[in-house]
All heavy atoms as atom14 arrays in JSON, in Angstrom:
{
  "sequence": "SEEIKAVKTTKTNVFQRSLKTFSDIFIPILPAIVG",
  "atom14_mask": [
    [1, 1, 1, 1, 1, 1, 0, 0, 0, 0, 0, 0, 0, 0],
    [1, 1, 1, 1, 1, 1, 1, 1, 1, 0, 0, 0, 0, 0],
    [1, 1, 1, 1, 1, 1, 1, 1, 1, 0, 0, 0, 0, 0],
    [1, 1, 1, 1, 1, 1, 1, 1, 0, 0, 0, 0, 0, 0],
    [1, 1, 1, 1, 1, 1, 1, 1, 1, 0, 0, 0, 0, 0],
    [1, 1, 1, 1, 1, 0, 0, 0, 0, 0, 0, 0, 0, 0],
    [1, 1, 1, 1, 1, 1, 1, 0, 0, 0, 0, 0, 0, 0],
    [1, 1, 1, 1, 1, 1, 1, 1, 1, 0, 0, 0, 0, 0],
    [1, 1, 1, 1, 1, 1, 1, 0, 0, 0, 0, 0, 0, 0],
    [1, 1, 1, 1, 1, 1, 1, 0, 0, 0, 0, 0, 0, 0],
    [1, 1, 1, 1, 1, 1, 1, 1, 1, 0, 0, 0, 0, 0],
    [1, 1, 1, 1, 1, 1, 1, 0, 0, 0, 0, 0, 0, 0],
    [1, 1, 1, 1, 1, 1, 1, 1, 0, 0, 0, 0, 0, 0],
    [1, 1, 1, 1, 1, 1, 1, 0, 0, 0, 0, 0, 0, 0],
    [1, 1, 1, 1, 1, 1, 1, 1, 1, 1, 1, 0, 0, 0],
    [1, 1, 1, 1, 1, 1, 1, 1, 1, 0, 0, 0, 0, 0],
    [1, 1, 1, 1, 1, 1, 1, 1, 1, 1, 1, 0, 0, 0],
    [1, 1, 1, 1, 1, 1, 0, 0, 0, 0, 0, 0, 0, 0],
    [1, 1, 1, 1, 1, 1, 1, 1, 0, 0, 0, 0, 0, 0],
    [1, 1, 1, 1, 1, 1, 1, 1, 1, 0, 0, 0, 0, 0],
    [1, 1, 1, 1, 1, 1, 1, 0, 0, 0, 0, 0, 0, 0],
    [1, 1, 1, 1, 1, 1, 1, 1, 1, 1, 1, 0, 0, 0],
    [1, 1, 1, 1, 1, 1, 0, 0, 0, 0, 0, 0, 0, 0],
    [1, 1, 1, 1, 1, 1, 1, 1, 0, 0, 0, 0, 0, 0],
    [1, 1, 1, 1, 1, 1, 1, 1, 0, 0, 0, 0, 0, 0],
    [1, 1, 1, 1, 1, 1, 1, 1, 1, 1, 1, 0, 0, 0],
    [1, 1, 1, 1, 1, 1, 1, 1, 0, 0, 0, 0, 0, 0],
    [1, 1, 1, 1, 1, 1, 1, 0, 0, 0, 0, 0, 0, 0],
    [1, 1, 1, 1, 1, 1, 1, 1, 0, 0, 0, 0, 0, 0],
    [1, 1, 1, 1, 1, 1, 1, 1, 0, 0, 0, 0, 0, 0],
    [1, 1, 1, 1, 1, 1, 1, 0, 0, 0, 0, 0, 0, 0],
    [1, 1, 1, 1, 1, 0, 0, 0, 0, 0, 0, 0, 0, 0],
    [1, 1, 1, 1, 1, 1, 1, 1, 0, 0, 0, 0, 0, 0],
    [1, 1, 1, 1, 1, 1, 1, 0, 0, 0, 0, 0, 0, 0],
    [1, 1, 1, 1, 0, 0, 0, 0, 0, 0, 0, 0, 0, 0]
  ],
  "atom14_positions": [
    [[0.83, -1.19, 0.04], [0.03, -0.01, 0.0], [0.89, 1.17, 0.07], [0.46, 2.3, -0.59], [-0.96, -0.05, 1.23], [-0.2, -0.09, 2.45], [0.0, 0.0, 0.0], [0.0, 0.0, 0.0], [0.0, 0.0, 0.0], [0.0, 0.0, 0.0], [0.0, 0.0, 0.0], [0.0, 0.0, 0.0], [0.0, 0.0, 0.0], [0.0, 0.0, 0.0]],
    [[1.98, 1.23, 0.65], [2.87, 2.31, 0.7], [3.42, 2.64, -0.71], [3.52, 3.82, -1.17], [4.03, 2.04, 1.67], [3.67, 2.05, 3.14], [2.97, 0.76, 3.47], [3.19, -0.21, 2.82], [2.32, 0.78, 4.54], [0.0, 0.0, 0.0], [0.0, 0.0, 0.0], [0.0, 0.0, 0.0], [0.0, 0.0, 0.0], [0.0, 0.0, 0.0]],
    [[3.77, 1.55, -1.53], [4.34, 1.76, -2.84], [3.21, 2.26, -3.68], [3.42, 3.12, -4.56], [4.78, 0.38, -3.35], [6.05, -0.07, -2.73], [6.37, -1.41, -3.17], [5.5, -2.31, -3.27], [7.61, -1.71, -3.45], [0.0, 0.0, 0.0], [0.0, 0.0, 0.0], [0.0, 0.0, 0.0], [0.0, 0.0, 0.0], [0.0, 0.0, 0.0]],
    [[1.93, 1.86, -3.54], [0.87, 2.38, -4.28], [0.7, 3.88, -4.05], [0.46, 4.6, -4.99], [-0.44, 1.63, -3.95], [-0.38, 0.19, -4.54], [-1.61, 2.34, -4.67], [-1.51, -0.74, -4.11], [0.0, 0.0, 0.0], [0.0, 0.0, 0.0], [0.0, 0.0, 0.0], [0.0, 0.0, 0.0], [0.0, 0.0, 0.0], [0.0, 0.0, 0.0]],
    [[0.69, 4.24, -2.82], [0.59, 5.74, -2.52], [1.71, 6.54, -3.21], [1.59, 7.76, -3.54], [0.7, 5.9, -0.97], [-0.56, 5.26, -0.35], [-0.58, 5.51, 1.18], [-1.73, 4.95, 1.84], [-1.67, 5.03, 3.37], [0.0, 0.0, 0.0], [0.0, 0.0, 0.0], [0.0, 0.0, 0.0], [0.0, 0.0, 0.0], [0.0, 0.0, 0.0]],
    [[2.95, 5.86, -3.32], [4.08, 6.53, -3.85], [4.01, 6.75, -5.31], [4.7, 7.53, -6.01], [5.38, 5.88, -3.48], [0.0, 0.0, 0.0], [0.0, 0.0, 0.0], [0.0, 0.0, 0.0], [0.0, 0.0, 0.0], [0.0, 0.0, 0.0], [0.0, 0.0, 0.0], [0.0, 0.0, 0.0], [0.0, 0.0, 0.0], [0.0, 0.0, 0.0]],
    [[3.15, 5.96, -6.02], [3.08, 5.95, -7.55], [2.39, 7.22, -7.83], [1.35, 7.62, -7.28], [2.28, 4.71, -7.97], [2.04, 4.78, -9.52], [2.9, 3.48, -7.65], [0.0, 0.0, 0.0], [0.0, 0.0, 0.0], [0.0, 0.0, 0.0], [0.0, 0.0, 0.0], [0.0, 0.0, 0.0], [0.0, 0.0, 0.0], [0.0, 0.0, 0.0]],
    [[2.96, 7.92, -8.86], [2.27, 9.17, -9.27], [0.84, 8.87, -9.79], [0.57, 7.91, -10.48], [3.19, 9.88, -10.32], [3.3, 9.06, -11.69], [4.18, 9.8, -12.55], [4.38, 8.98, -13.82], [5.32, 9.7, -14.84], [0.0, 0.0, 0.0], [0.0, 0.0, 0.0], [0.0, 0.0, 0.0], [0.0, 0.0, 0.0], [0.0, 0.0, 0.0]],
    [[0.01, 9.91, -9.53], [-1.34, 9.72, -9.9], [-1.61, 9.9, -11.36], [-0.74, 10.59, -12.07], [-2.27, 10.81, -9.2], [-1.66, 12.08, -9.59], [-2.2, 10.64, -7.75], [0.0, 0.0, 0.0], [0.0, 0.0, 0.0], [0.0, 0.0, 0.0], [0.0, 0.0, 0.0], [0.0, 0.0, 0.0], [0.0, 0.0, 0.0], [0.0, 0.0, 0.0]],
    [[-2.59, 9.25, -11.94], [-2.88, 9.37, -13.32], [-3.22, 10.73, -13.8], [-3.93, 11.43, -13.13], [-4.06, 8.38, -13.67], [-3.76, 7.22, -13.25], [-4.41, 8.54, -15.2], [0.0, 0.0, 0.0], [0.0, 0.0, 0.0], [0.0, 0.0, 0.0], [0.0, 0.0, 0.0], [0.0, 0.0, 0.0], [0.0, 0.0, 0.0], [0.0, 0.0, 0.0]],
    [[-2.59, 11.15, -14.9], [-2.86, 12.59, -15.45], [-4.18, 12.69, -16.09], [-4.32, 12.88, -17.29], [-1.65, 12.89, -16.32], [-0.29, 12.84, -15.71], [0.8, 13.14, -16.62], [2.19, 13.05, -15.97], [3.27, 13.26, -16.84], [0.0, 0.0, 0.0], [0.0, 0.0, 0.0], [0.0, 0.0, 0.0], [0.0, 0.0, 0.0], [0.0, 0.0, 0.0]],
    [[-5.21, 12.52, -15.28], [-6.56, 12.7, -15.88], [-7.36, 13.57, -14.98], [-7.1, 13.63, -13.69], [-7.25, 11.42, -16.09], [-7.29, 10.71, -14.8], [-6.64, 10.56, -17.09], [0.0, 0.0, 0.0], [0.0, 0.0, 0.0], [0.0, 0.0, 0.0], [0.0, 0.0, 0.0], [0.0, 0.0, 0.0], [0.0, 0.0, 0.0], [0.0, 0.0, 0.0]],
    [[-8.33, 14.33, -15.46], [-9.08, 15.15, -14.74], [-10.32, 14.34, -14.06], [-10.56, 13.22, -14.42], [-9.56, 16.43, -15.42], [-10.26, 16.16, -16.74], [-11.05, 15.17, -16.77], [-9.93, 16.78, -17.88], [0.0, 0.0, 0.0], [0.0, 0.0, 0.0], [0.0, 0.0, 0.0], [0.0, 0.0, 0.0], [0.0, 0.0, 0.0], [0.0, 0.0, 0.0]],
    [[-11.14, 15.08, -13.34], [-12.28, 14.38, -12.68], [-13.19, 13.93, -13.76], [-13.81, 12.82, -13.62], [-13.01, 15.39, -11.71], [-14.27, 14.7, -11.23], [-12.05, 15.78, -10.65], [0.0, 0.0, 0.0], [0.0, 0.0, 0.0], [0.0, 0.0, 0.0], [0.0, 0.0, 0.0], [0.0, 0.0, 0.0], [0.0, 0.0, 0.0], [0.0, 0.0, 0.0]],
    [[-13.52, 14.71, -14.76], [-14.51, 14.36, -15.82], [-13.94, 13.06, -16.55], [-14.83, 12.29, -16.8], [-14.65, 15.46, -16.84], [-15.59, 15.28, -17.91], [-17.07, 15.09, -17.53], [-15.25, 15.13, -19.12], [-17.89, 14.9, -18.62], [-16.13, 14.84, -20.1], [-17.48, 14.81, -19.83], [0.0, 0.0, 0.0], [0.0, 0.0, 0.0], [0.0, 0.0, 0.0]],
    [[-12.74, 13.05, -16.86], [-12.14, 11.8, -17.48], [-12.3, 10.59, -16.64], [-12.62, 9.53, -17.11], [-10.7, 12.08, -17.91], [-10.6, 13.07, -19.05], [-9.15, 13.47, -19.31], [-8.28, 13.65, -18.42], [-8.73, 13.48, -20.63], [0.0, 0.0, 0.0], [0.0, 0.0, 0.0], [0.0, 0.0, 0.0], [0.0, 0.0, 0.0], [0.0, 0.0, 0.0]],
    [[-12.02, 10.79, -15.41], [-12.03, 9.64, -14.45], [-13.5, 9.17, -14.34], [-13.83, 7.96, -14.11], [-11.47, 10.0, -13.17], [-9.95, 10.14, -13.07], [-9.38, 10.14, -11.71], [-9.87, 11.27, -11.0], [-9.12, 12.49, -10.91], [-8.07, 12.64, -11.6], [-9.63, 13.48, -10.15], [0.0, 0.0, 0.0], [0.0, 0.0, 0.0], [0.0, 0.0, 0.0]],
    [[-14.44, 10.17, -14.36], [-15.9, 9.7, -14.24], [-16.37, 8.95, -15.43], [-16.99, 7.94, -15.27], [-16.68, 11.02, -14.19], [-16.43, 11.79, -12.96], [0.0, 0.0, 0.0], [0.0, 0.0, 0.0], [0.0, 0.0, 0.0], [0.0, 0.0, 0.0], [0.0, 0.0, 0.0], [0.0, 0.0, 0.0], [0.0, 0.0, 0.0], [0.0, 0.0, 0.0]],
    [[-15.83, 9.41, -16.62], [-16.25, 8.6, -17.92], [-15.54, 7.19, -17.82], [-16.22, 6.25, -18.29], [-15.77, 9.39, -19.12], [-16.4, 10.72, -19.39], [-15.82, 11.31, -20.62], [-17.93, 10.43, -19.69], [0.0, 0.0, 0.0], [0.0, 0.0, 0.0], [0.0, 0.0, 0.0], [0.0, 0.0, 0.0], [0.0, 0.0, 0.0], [0.0, 0.0, 0.0]],
    [[-14.35, 7.16, -17.22], [-13.69, 5.79, -17.18], [-14.47, 4.96, -16.27], [-14.6, 3.68, -16.49], [-12.29, 6.0, -16.67], [-11.49, 4.76, -16.6], [-11.19, 4.11, -17.89], [-10.3, 2.88, -17.82], [-10.63, 1.88, -16.92], [0.0, 0.0, 0.0], [0.0, 0.0, 0.0], [0.0, 0.0, 0.0], [0.0, 0.0, 0.0], [0.0, 0.0, 0.0]],
    [[-15.06, 5.59, -15.19], [-15.77, 4.78, -14.14], [-17.09, 4.25, -14.88], [-17.44, 3.03, -14.72], [-16.15, 5.57, -12.93], [-14.96, 6.03, -12.41], [-17.0, 4.81, -11.99], [0.0, 0.0, 0.0], [0.0, 0.0, 0.0], [0.0, 0.0, 0.0], [0.0, 0.0, 0.0], [0.0, 0.0, 0.0], [0.0, 0.0, 0.0], [0.0, 0.0, 0.0]],
    [[-17.71, 4.96, -15.66], [-18.92, 4.62, -16.4], [-18.57, 3.37, -17.21], [-19.26, 2.44, -17.34], [-19.48, 5.76, -17.23], [-20.56, 6.58, -16.59], [-20.34, 7.66, -15.85], [-21.8, 6.15, -16.75], [-21.28, 8.4, -15.18], [-22.84, 6.8, -16.09], [-22.59, 7.94, -15.31], [0.0, 0.0, 0.0], [0.0, 0.0, 0.0], [0.0, 0.0, 0.0]],
    [[-17.47, 3.52, -18.01], [-17.06, 2.52, -18.86], [-16.66, 1.2, -18.04], [-17.2, 0.17, -18.47], [-15.68, 2.93, -19.59], [-15.13, 1.87, -20.34], [0.0, 0.0, 0.0], [0.0, 0.0, 0.0], [0.0, 0.0, 0.0], [0.0, 0.0, 0.0], [0.0, 0.0, 0.0], [0.0, 0.0, 0.0], [0.0, 0.0, 0.0], [0.0, 0.0, 0.0]],
    [[-16.1, 1.25, -17.01], [-15.74, 0.07, -16.13], [-16.94, -0.59, -15.63], [-17.0, -1.78, -15.4], [-14.8, 0.5, -15.06], [-13.39, 0.95, -15.51], [-13.03, 0.62, -16.63], [-12.62, 1.65, -14.67], [0.0, 0.0, 0.0], [0.0, 0.0, 0.0], [0.0, 0.0, 0.0], [0.0, 0.0, 0.0], [0.0, 0.0, 0.0], [0.0, 0.0, 0.0]],
    [[-18.02, 0.14, -15.37], [-19.23, -0.42, -14.73], [-20.04, -1.09, -15.87], [-20.64, -2.14, -15.75], [-20.05, 0.69, -14.04], [-19.33, 1.17, -12.74], [-21.49, 0.2, -13.75], [-19.94, 2.32, -12.07], [0.0, 0.0, 0.0], [0.0, 0.0, 0.0], [0.0, 0.0, 0.0], [0.0, 0.0, 0.0], [0.0, 0.0, 0.0], [0.0, 0.0, 0.0]],
    [[-20.23, -0.39, -17.01], [-21.2, -0.81, -18.0], [-20.61, -1.88, -19.1], [-21.44, -2.62, -19.48], [-21.95, 0.3, -18.66], [-22.86, 1.07, -17.76], [-22.49, 2.22, -17.14], [-24.14, 0.54, -17.47], [-23.32, 2.97, -16.26], [-24.97, 1.21, -16.58], [-24.54, 2.45, -16.06], [0.0, 0.0, 0.0], [0.0, 0.0, 0.0], [0.0, 0.0, 0.0]],
    [[-19.35, -1.84, -19.34], [-18.85, -2.69, -20.3], [-19.02, -4.2, -19.88], [-19.34, -5.03, -20.63], [-17.43, -2.32, -20.62], [-17.4, -1.13, -21.54], [-16.69, -3.46, -21.33], [-16.05, -0.62, -21.97], [0.0, 0.0, 0.0], [0.0, 0.0, 0.0], [0.0, 0.0, 0.0], [0.0, 0.0, 0.0], [0.0, 0.0, 0.0], [0.0, 0.0, 0.0]],
    [[-18.72, -4.55, -18.5], [-18.89, -5.89, -18.21], [-20.25, -6.45, -18.38], [-20.51, -7.63, -18.61], [-18.44, -5.94, -16.77], [-17.46, -4.75, -16.57], [-18.22, -3.62, -17.48], [0.0, 0.0, 0.0], [0.0, 0.0, 0.0], [0.0, 0.0, 0.0], [0.0, 0.0, 0.0], [0.0, 0.0, 0.0], [0.0, 0.0, 0.0], [0.0, 0.0, 0.0]],
    [[-21.32, -5.62, -18.34], [-22.74, -6.13, -18.39], [-23.28, -6.0, -19.9], [-24.38, -6.32, -20.12], [-23.7, -5.38, -17.43], [-23.81, -3.9, -17.86], [-23.21, -5.52, -16.04], [-24.82, -3.15, -17.0], [0.0, 0.0, 0.0], [0.0, 0.0, 0.0], [0.0, 0.0, 0.0], [0.0, 0.0, 0.0], [0.0, 0.0, 0.0], [0.0, 0.0, 0.0]],
    [[-22.44, -5.5, -20.78], [-22.9, -5.26, -22.15], [-23.25, -6.58, -22.84], [-24.26, -6.58, -23.63], [-21.82, -4.55, -22.98], [-21.8, -3.03, -22.83], [-20.71, -2.46, -23.83], [-23.13, -2.49, -23.3], [0.0, 0.0, 0.0], [0.0, 0.0, 0.0], [0.0, 0.0, 0.0], [0.0, 0.0, 0.0], [0.0, 0.0, 0.0], [0.0, 0.0, 0.0]],
    [[-22.51, -7.73, -22.66], [-22.89, -9.02, -23.2], [-24.39, -9.35, -22.99], [-25.02, -9.79, -23.93], [-21.95, -9.99, -22.78], [-20.69, -9.12, -22.43], [-21.21, -7.87, -21.91], [0.0, 0.0, 0.0], [0.0, 0.0, 0.0], [0.0, 0.0, 0.0], [0.0, 0.0, 0.0], [0.0, 0.0, 0.0], [0.0, 0.0, 0.0], [0.0, 0.0, 0.0]],
    [[-24.81, -9.14, -21.74], [-26.18, -9.4, -21.39], [-27.15, -8.57, -22.06], [-28.17, -9.01, -22.51], [-26.38, -9.42, -19.81], [0.0, 0.0, 0.0], [0.0, 0.0, 0.0], [0.0, 0.0, 0.0], [0.0, 0.0, 0.0], [0.0, 0.0, 0.0], [0.0, 0.0, 0.0], [0.0, 0.0, 0.0], [0.0, 0.0, 0.0], [0.0, 0.0, 0.0]],
    [[-26.76, -7.31, -22.09], [-27.69, -6.25, -22.65], [-27.73, -6.42, -24.11], [-28.81, -6.44, -24.84], [-27.12, -4.9, -22.26], [-27.12, -4.66, -20.77], [-28.09, -3.79, -22.96], [-28.42, -4.82, -20.18], [0.0, 0.0, 0.0], [0.0, 0.0, 0.0], [0.0, 0.0, 0.0], [0.0, 0.0, 0.0], [0.0, 0.0, 0.0], [0.0, 0.0, 0.0]],
    [[-26.55, -6.71, -24.82], [-26.6, -6.89, -26.29], [-27.41, -8.16, -26.64], [-28.2, -8.14, -27.54], [-25.18, -6.98, -26.71], [-25.07, -7.45, -28.25], [-24.48, -5.68, -26.67], [0.0, 0.0, 0.0], [0.0, 0.0, 0.0], [0.0, 0.0, 0.0], [0.0, 0.0, 0.0], [0.0, 0.0, 0.0], [0.0, 0.0, 0.0], [0.0, 0.0, 0.0]],
    [[-27.19, -9.22, -25.91], [-27.95, -10.49, -26.09], [-29.42, -10.24, -25.99], [-30.16, -10.75, -26.78], [0.0, 0.0, 0.0], [0.0, 0.0, 0.0], [0.0, 0.0, 0.0], [0.0, 0.0, 0.0], [0.0, 0.0, 0.0], [0.0, 0.0, 0.0], [0.0, 0.0, 0.0], [0.0, 0.0, 0.0], [0.0, 0.0, 0.0], [0.0, 0.0, 0.0]]
  ]
}
């Protein structure tokens, strides 16, 4: 955990991270929705 905290943060803003979160949530359930 100490090493993780030492890693530099991703160079993305709040809006980009929000979009990435949407993607991470909905892409795994897409096969069921598409089917």
